[in-house]
């Protein structure tokens, strides 16, 4: 099992990589089904970046989105076409990250959020 420190370094490295590469891929003019696969990849990446793939609903979304990528999207595929509810997924992604620690300030009756990576 990987240590929390190692996991944090890996998450930071992936985030930096995505911030560099996403604008490049967003600027490309796609002429194939790969554009749809790229959009699906971005959805999965957003779910995993917030740690929501550890929740059963998040894992289901990742599996559902992944099952329609690559050759499963082709008309020659034997698998049935899978339609996903993008609004439901976007609403799911809006929830707080699993990588944040919520602290309740009773005096002010509000939550403070701290990314777990920053906590030592």
N, C-alpha and C. Protein backbone atom coordinates (compact mmCIF):
# COMPACT_ATOMS: atom_id res chain seq x y z
N UNK A 1 0.84 -1.18 0.00
CA UNK A 1 0.00 0.00 0.00
C UNK A 1 0.88 1.25 0.00
N UNK A 2 0.48 2.24 -0.79
CA UNK A 2 1.27 3.45 -0.90
C UNK A 2 1.02 4.36 0.30
N UNK A 3 2.08 5.04 0.71
CA UNK A 3 1.95 5.95 1.84
C UNK A 3 1.19 7.21 1.42
N UNK A 4 0.66 7.92 2.39
CA UNK A 4 -0.10 9.14 2.12
C UNK A 4 0.79 10.20 1.46
N UNK A 5 2.04 10.27 1.89
CA UNK A 5 2.96 11.25 1.32
C UNK A 5 3.23 10.95 -0.16
N UNK A 6 3.43 9.68 -0.46
CA UNK A 6 3.67 9.27 -1.84
C UNK A 6 2.43 9.51 -2.69
N UNK A 7 1.26 9.23 -2.14
CA UNK A 7 -0.01 9.45 -2.83
C UNK A 7 -0.20 10.94 -3.13
N UNK A 8 0.16 11.78 -2.18
CA UNK A 8 0.04 13.23 -2.36
C UNK A 8 0.95 13.72 -3.47
N UNK A 9 2.19 13.23 -3.50
CA UNK A 9 3.12 13.62 -4.56
C UNK A 9 2.59 13.19 -5.92
N UNK A 10 2.04 11.99 -5.98
CA UNK A 10 1.50 11.48 -7.24
C UNK A 10 0.32 12.33 -7.71
N UNK A 11 -0.55 12.70 -6.79
CA UNK A 11 -1.72 13.53 -7.13
C UNK A 11 -1.29 14.90 -7.62
N UNK A 12 -0.29 15.49 -6.97
CA UNK A 12 0.21 16.80 -7.40
C UNK A 12 0.82 16.72 -8.80
N UNK A 13 1.58 15.66 -9.06
CA UNK A 13 2.22 15.47 -10.36
C UNK A 13 1.17 15.31 -11.45
N UNK A 14 0.13 14.53 -11.19
CA UNK A 14 -0.94 14.33 -12.17
C UNK A 14 -1.67 15.64 -12.44
N UNK A 15 -1.92 16.43 -11.40
CA UNK A 15 -2.62 17.70 -11.57
C UNK A 15 -1.79 18.67 -12.42
N UNK A 16 -0.48 18.74 -12.16
CA UNK A 16 0.38 19.61 -12.95
C UNK A 16 0.39 19.17 -14.41
N UNK A 17 0.47 17.88 -14.63
CA UNK A 17 0.49 17.34 -15.98
C UNK A 17 -0.80 17.68 -16.72
N UNK A 18 -1.92 17.52 -16.06
CA UNK A 18 -3.21 17.81 -16.68
C UNK A 18 -3.35 19.29 -17.00
N UNK A 19 -2.86 20.15 -16.12
CA UNK A 19 -2.94 21.59 -16.37
C UNK A 19 -2.12 21.99 -17.58
N UNK A 20 -1.02 21.29 -17.83
CA UNK A 20 -0.19 21.58 -19.00
C UNK A 20 -0.79 21.00 -20.28
N UNK A 21 -1.32 19.78 -20.19
CA UNK A 21 -1.76 19.09 -21.39
C UNK A 21 -3.17 19.43 -21.83
N UNK A 22 -4.06 19.72 -20.91
CA UNK A 22 -5.45 19.99 -21.27
C UNK A 22 -5.60 21.15 -22.26
N UNK A 23 -4.92 22.29 -22.07
CA UNK A 23 -5.06 23.36 -23.06
C UNK A 23 -4.58 22.95 -24.46
N UNK A 24 -3.58 22.10 -24.52
CA UNK A 24 -3.09 21.63 -25.82
C UNK A 24 -4.17 20.81 -26.51
N UNK A 25 -4.74 19.85 -25.78
CA UNK A 25 -5.77 19.01 -26.37
C UNK A 25 -7.06 19.79 -26.65
N UNK A 26 -7.36 20.78 -25.82
CA UNK A 26 -8.55 21.60 -26.05
C UNK A 26 -8.40 22.43 -27.32
N UNK A 27 -7.19 22.81 -27.68
CA UNK A 27 -6.97 23.65 -28.86
C UNK A 27 -6.93 22.84 -30.16
N UNK A 28 -6.82 21.53 -30.07
CA UNK A 28 -6.76 20.68 -31.26
C UNK A 28 -8.13 20.61 -31.91
N UNK A 29 -8.14 20.63 -33.24
CA UNK A 29 -9.39 20.48 -33.97
C UNK A 29 -9.57 18.99 -34.28
N UNK A 30 -10.54 18.38 -33.65
CA UNK A 30 -10.75 16.94 -33.77
C UNK A 30 -11.66 16.65 -34.97
N UNK A 31 -11.36 15.58 -35.69
CA UNK A 31 -12.16 15.18 -36.85
C UNK A 31 -12.55 13.70 -36.76
N UNK A 32 -12.70 13.21 -35.55
CA UNK A 32 -13.01 11.79 -35.39
C UNK A 32 -13.76 11.58 -34.08
N UNK A 33 -14.08 10.33 -33.82
CA UNK A 33 -14.75 9.97 -32.57
C UNK A 33 -13.85 10.17 -31.36
N UNK A 34 -12.57 10.37 -31.60
CA UNK A 34 -11.64 10.56 -30.48
C UNK A 34 -11.98 11.80 -29.67
N UNK A 35 -12.64 12.78 -30.29
CA UNK A 35 -13.05 13.97 -29.54
C UNK A 35 -14.03 13.58 -28.44
N UNK A 36 -14.97 12.72 -28.77
CA UNK A 36 -15.93 12.24 -27.76
C UNK A 36 -15.21 11.46 -26.66
N UNK A 37 -14.21 10.67 -27.04
CA UNK A 37 -13.43 9.94 -26.05
C UNK A 37 -12.64 10.90 -25.16
N UNK A 38 -12.12 11.97 -25.76
CA UNK A 38 -11.38 12.97 -24.98
C UNK A 38 -12.29 13.65 -23.97
N UNK A 39 -13.51 14.00 -24.40
CA UNK A 39 -14.46 14.62 -23.46
C UNK A 39 -14.80 13.67 -22.32
N UNK A 40 -14.95 12.38 -22.64
CA UNK A 40 -15.20 11.38 -21.60
C UNK A 40 -14.01 11.27 -20.66
N UNK A 41 -12.80 11.30 -21.23
CA UNK A 41 -11.59 11.24 -20.42
C UNK A 41 -11.53 12.43 -19.45
N UNK A 42 -11.89 13.62 -19.94
CA UNK A 42 -11.88 14.80 -19.08
C UNK A 42 -12.88 14.66 -17.93
N UNK A 43 -14.03 14.07 -18.20
CA UNK A 43 -15.02 13.84 -17.14
C UNK A 43 -14.46 12.89 -16.08
N UNK A 44 -13.87 11.79 -16.54
CA UNK A 44 -13.29 10.83 -15.60
C UNK A 44 -12.16 11.47 -14.81
N UNK A 45 -11.35 12.28 -15.48
CA UNK A 45 -10.25 12.96 -14.80
C UNK A 45 -10.77 13.89 -13.71
N UNK A 46 -11.82 14.64 -14.01
CA UNK A 46 -12.39 15.55 -13.00
C UNK A 46 -12.92 14.78 -11.80
N UNK A 47 -13.53 13.63 -12.04
CA UNK A 47 -14.05 12.81 -10.94
C UNK A 47 -12.89 12.29 -10.08
N UNK A 48 -11.83 11.80 -10.72
CA UNK A 48 -10.71 11.24 -9.95
C UNK A 48 -9.89 12.32 -9.27
N UNK A 49 -9.79 13.51 -9.86
CA UNK A 49 -9.03 14.59 -9.24
C UNK A 49 -9.65 15.01 -7.90
N UNK A 50 -10.95 14.90 -7.78
CA UNK A 50 -11.61 15.26 -6.53
C UNK A 50 -11.73 14.06 -5.59
N UNK A 51 -11.27 12.91 -6.03
CA UNK A 51 -11.33 11.72 -5.18
C UNK A 51 -12.72 11.12 -5.10
N UNK A 52 -13.60 11.53 -5.98
CA UNK A 52 -14.98 11.04 -5.93
C UNK A 52 -15.12 9.62 -6.47
N UNK A 53 -14.06 9.10 -7.09
CA UNK A 53 -14.11 7.73 -7.60
C UNK A 53 -14.04 6.71 -6.46
N UNK A 54 -13.74 7.16 -5.25
CA UNK A 54 -13.74 6.26 -4.09
C UNK A 54 -15.14 6.02 -3.55
N UNK A 55 -16.07 6.89 -3.92
CA UNK A 55 -17.48 6.72 -3.53
C UNK A 55 -18.09 5.74 -4.54
N UNK A 56 -19.01 4.90 -4.09
CA UNK A 56 -19.58 3.89 -4.99
C UNK A 56 -20.26 4.54 -6.20
N UNK A 57 -20.95 5.65 -6.00
CA UNK A 57 -21.61 6.33 -7.13
C UNK A 57 -20.56 6.87 -8.12
N UNK A 58 -19.46 7.39 -7.60
CA UNK A 58 -18.40 7.89 -8.46
C UNK A 58 -17.74 6.78 -9.25
N UNK A 59 -17.51 5.64 -8.60
CA UNK A 59 -16.93 4.48 -9.29
C UNK A 59 -17.88 3.99 -10.39
N UNK A 60 -19.18 4.02 -10.11
CA UNK A 60 -20.16 3.63 -11.12
C UNK A 60 -20.11 4.57 -12.32
N UNK A 61 -19.99 5.88 -12.06
CA UNK A 61 -19.90 6.85 -13.15
C UNK A 61 -18.64 6.61 -13.98
N UNK A 62 -17.52 6.39 -13.33
CA UNK A 62 -16.26 6.15 -14.04
C UNK A 62 -16.39 4.90 -14.91
N UNK A 63 -16.94 3.83 -14.37
CA UNK A 63 -17.12 2.60 -15.14
C UNK A 63 -18.09 2.80 -16.30
N UNK A 64 -19.16 3.55 -16.07
CA UNK A 64 -20.16 3.81 -17.12
C UNK A 64 -19.54 4.63 -18.25
N UNK A 65 -18.83 5.69 -17.90
CA UNK A 65 -18.20 6.54 -18.91
C UNK A 65 -17.13 5.75 -19.66
N UNK A 66 -16.31 5.00 -18.92
CA UNK A 66 -15.25 4.22 -19.54
C UNK A 66 -15.77 3.13 -20.46
N UNK A 67 -16.94 2.60 -20.16
CA UNK A 67 -17.48 1.50 -20.97
C UNK A 67 -17.97 1.97 -22.34
N UNK A 68 -18.10 3.27 -22.53
CA UNK A 68 -18.54 3.75 -23.84
C UNK A 68 -17.40 4.36 -24.65
N UNK A 69 -16.18 4.30 -24.13
CA UNK A 69 -15.03 4.88 -24.82
C UNK A 69 -14.42 3.90 -25.82
N UNK A 70 -13.54 4.44 -26.67
CA UNK A 70 -12.76 3.70 -27.65
C UNK A 70 -13.64 2.87 -28.59
N UNK A 71 -13.36 1.60 -28.75
CA UNK A 71 -14.10 0.79 -29.74
C UNK A 71 -15.55 0.56 -29.37
N UNK A 72 -15.92 0.75 -28.14
CA UNK A 72 -17.32 0.56 -27.74
C UNK A 72 -18.22 1.63 -28.35
N UNK A 73 -17.64 2.71 -28.88
CA UNK A 73 -18.41 3.78 -29.48
C UNK A 73 -18.67 3.52 -30.98
N UNK A 74 -17.95 2.59 -31.56
CA UNK A 74 -18.07 2.31 -32.99
C UNK A 74 -19.40 1.67 -33.34
N UNK A 75 -19.86 1.92 -34.55
CA UNK A 75 -21.13 1.33 -35.00
C UNK A 75 -21.00 -0.18 -35.18
N UNK A 76 -19.78 -0.68 -35.34
CA UNK A 76 -19.57 -2.12 -35.52
C UNK A 76 -19.46 -2.87 -34.20
N UNK A 77 -19.52 -2.15 -33.09
CA UNK A 77 -19.41 -2.78 -31.78
C UNK A 77 -20.67 -3.59 -31.48
N UNK A 78 -20.48 -4.76 -30.87
CA UNK A 78 -21.61 -5.61 -30.49
C UNK A 78 -22.32 -5.09 -29.25
N UNK A 79 -21.67 -4.23 -28.51
CA UNK A 79 -22.23 -3.74 -27.26
C UNK A 79 -23.29 -2.67 -27.53
N UNK A 80 -24.35 -2.63 -26.71
CA UNK A 80 -25.39 -1.61 -26.91
C UNK A 80 -24.84 -0.20 -26.62
N UNK A 81 -25.41 0.78 -27.29
CA UNK A 81 -25.01 2.17 -27.07
C UNK A 81 -25.39 2.59 -25.65
N UNK A 82 -24.50 3.32 -25.01
CA UNK A 82 -24.73 3.75 -23.64
C UNK A 82 -24.89 5.26 -23.62
N UNK A 83 -26.05 5.71 -23.19
CA UNK A 83 -26.29 7.14 -23.01
C UNK A 83 -26.13 7.46 -21.54
N UNK A 84 -25.43 8.56 -21.27
CA UNK A 84 -25.25 8.96 -19.88
C UNK A 84 -25.91 10.30 -19.64
N UNK A 85 -26.33 10.52 -18.42
CA UNK A 85 -26.96 11.77 -18.03
C UNK A 85 -25.86 12.74 -17.58
N UNK A 86 -25.42 13.60 -18.50
CA UNK A 86 -24.33 14.52 -18.19
C UNK A 86 -24.68 15.49 -17.07
N UNK A 87 -25.93 15.91 -17.00
CA UNK A 87 -26.35 16.83 -15.93
C UNK A 87 -26.18 16.18 -14.56
N UNK A 88 -26.52 14.92 -14.47
CA UNK A 88 -26.39 14.19 -13.20
C UNK A 88 -24.91 14.06 -12.80
N UNK A 89 -24.06 13.80 -13.78
CA UNK A 89 -22.63 13.68 -13.51
C UNK A 89 -22.04 15.03 -13.11
N UNK A 90 -22.42 16.10 -13.82
CA UNK A 90 -21.92 17.44 -13.48
C UNK A 90 -22.36 17.83 -12.07
N UNK A 91 -23.57 17.50 -11.71
CA UNK A 91 -24.07 17.79 -10.36
C UNK A 91 -23.27 17.00 -9.32
N UNK A 92 -22.95 15.76 -9.65
CA UNK A 92 -22.15 14.91 -8.76
C UNK A 92 -20.75 15.51 -8.56
N UNK A 93 -20.16 16.02 -9.64
CA UNK A 93 -18.80 16.58 -9.57
C UNK A 93 -18.76 17.85 -8.74
N UNK A 94 -19.88 18.55 -8.62
CA UNK A 94 -19.92 19.81 -7.86
C UNK A 94 -19.76 19.60 -6.35
N UNK A 95 -19.95 18.40 -5.87
CA UNK A 95 -19.85 18.18 -4.43
C UNK A 95 -18.40 18.33 -3.96
N UNK A 96 -18.19 18.57 -2.68
CA UNK A 96 -16.83 18.78 -2.18
C UNK A 96 -15.94 17.58 -2.43
N UNK A 97 -14.67 17.85 -2.56
CA UNK A 97 -13.69 16.82 -2.82
C UNK A 97 -13.52 15.90 -1.62
N UNK A 98 -13.19 14.64 -1.89
CA UNK A 98 -12.84 13.71 -0.81
C UNK A 98 -11.48 14.03 -0.24
N UNK A 99 -10.71 14.85 -0.94
CA UNK A 99 -9.38 15.21 -0.50
C UNK A 99 -9.37 16.47 0.36
N UNK A 100 -10.52 16.91 0.81
CA UNK A 100 -10.60 18.09 1.66
C UNK A 100 -11.04 17.68 3.05
N UNK A 101 -10.56 18.42 4.00
CA UNK A 101 -10.98 18.22 5.38
C UNK A 101 -11.89 19.38 5.74
N UNK A 102 -13.07 19.08 6.23
CA UNK A 102 -14.02 20.12 6.61
C UNK A 102 -13.96 20.33 8.11
N UNK A 103 -13.81 21.59 8.50
CA UNK A 103 -13.77 21.95 9.91
C UNK A 103 -14.92 22.89 10.18
N UNK A 104 -15.74 22.56 11.16
CA UNK A 104 -16.88 23.39 11.51
C UNK A 104 -16.45 24.43 12.54
N UNK A 105 -16.67 25.68 12.21
CA UNK A 105 -16.46 26.76 13.17
C UNK A 105 -17.80 27.03 13.82
N UNK A 106 -17.97 26.55 15.03
CA UNK A 106 -19.25 26.67 15.71
C UNK A 106 -19.61 28.12 15.98
N UNK A 107 -18.60 28.94 16.27
CA UNK A 107 -18.88 30.34 16.58
C UNK A 107 -19.44 31.09 15.38
N UNK A 108 -19.01 30.72 14.18
CA UNK A 108 -19.48 31.41 12.98
C UNK A 108 -20.47 30.56 12.19
N UNK A 109 -20.73 29.34 12.64
CA UNK A 109 -21.66 28.41 12.02
C UNK A 109 -21.38 28.22 10.52
N UNK A 110 -20.11 27.95 10.20
CA UNK A 110 -19.75 27.67 8.81
C UNK A 110 -18.58 26.69 8.78
N UNK A 111 -18.40 26.09 7.61
CA UNK A 111 -17.32 25.14 7.41
C UNK A 111 -16.12 25.81 6.76
N UNK A 112 -14.93 25.41 7.15
CA UNK A 112 -13.71 25.78 6.46
C UNK A 112 -13.21 24.53 5.75
N UNK A 113 -12.66 24.68 4.56
CA UNK A 113 -12.17 23.55 3.79
C UNK A 113 -10.66 23.63 3.66
N UNK A 114 -10.01 22.51 3.91
CA UNK A 114 -8.55 22.43 3.77
C UNK A 114 -8.23 21.23 2.87
N UNK A 115 -7.43 21.45 1.83
CA UNK A 115 -7.00 20.29 1.05
C UNK A 115 -6.10 19.40 1.90
N UNK A 116 -6.34 18.09 1.85
CA UNK A 116 -5.55 17.18 2.70
C UNK A 116 -4.10 17.14 2.29
N UNK A 117 -3.82 17.45 1.04
CA UNK A 117 -2.43 17.40 0.56
C UNK A 117 -1.59 18.45 1.27
N UNK A 118 -2.19 19.59 1.60
CA UNK A 118 -1.44 20.69 2.22
C UNK A 118 -1.19 20.47 3.71
N UNK A 119 -1.91 19.56 4.31
CA UNK A 119 -1.79 19.33 5.74
C UNK A 119 -0.61 18.40 6.01
N UNK A 120 0.25 18.77 6.94
CA UNK A 120 1.42 17.94 7.24
C UNK A 120 1.31 17.32 8.60
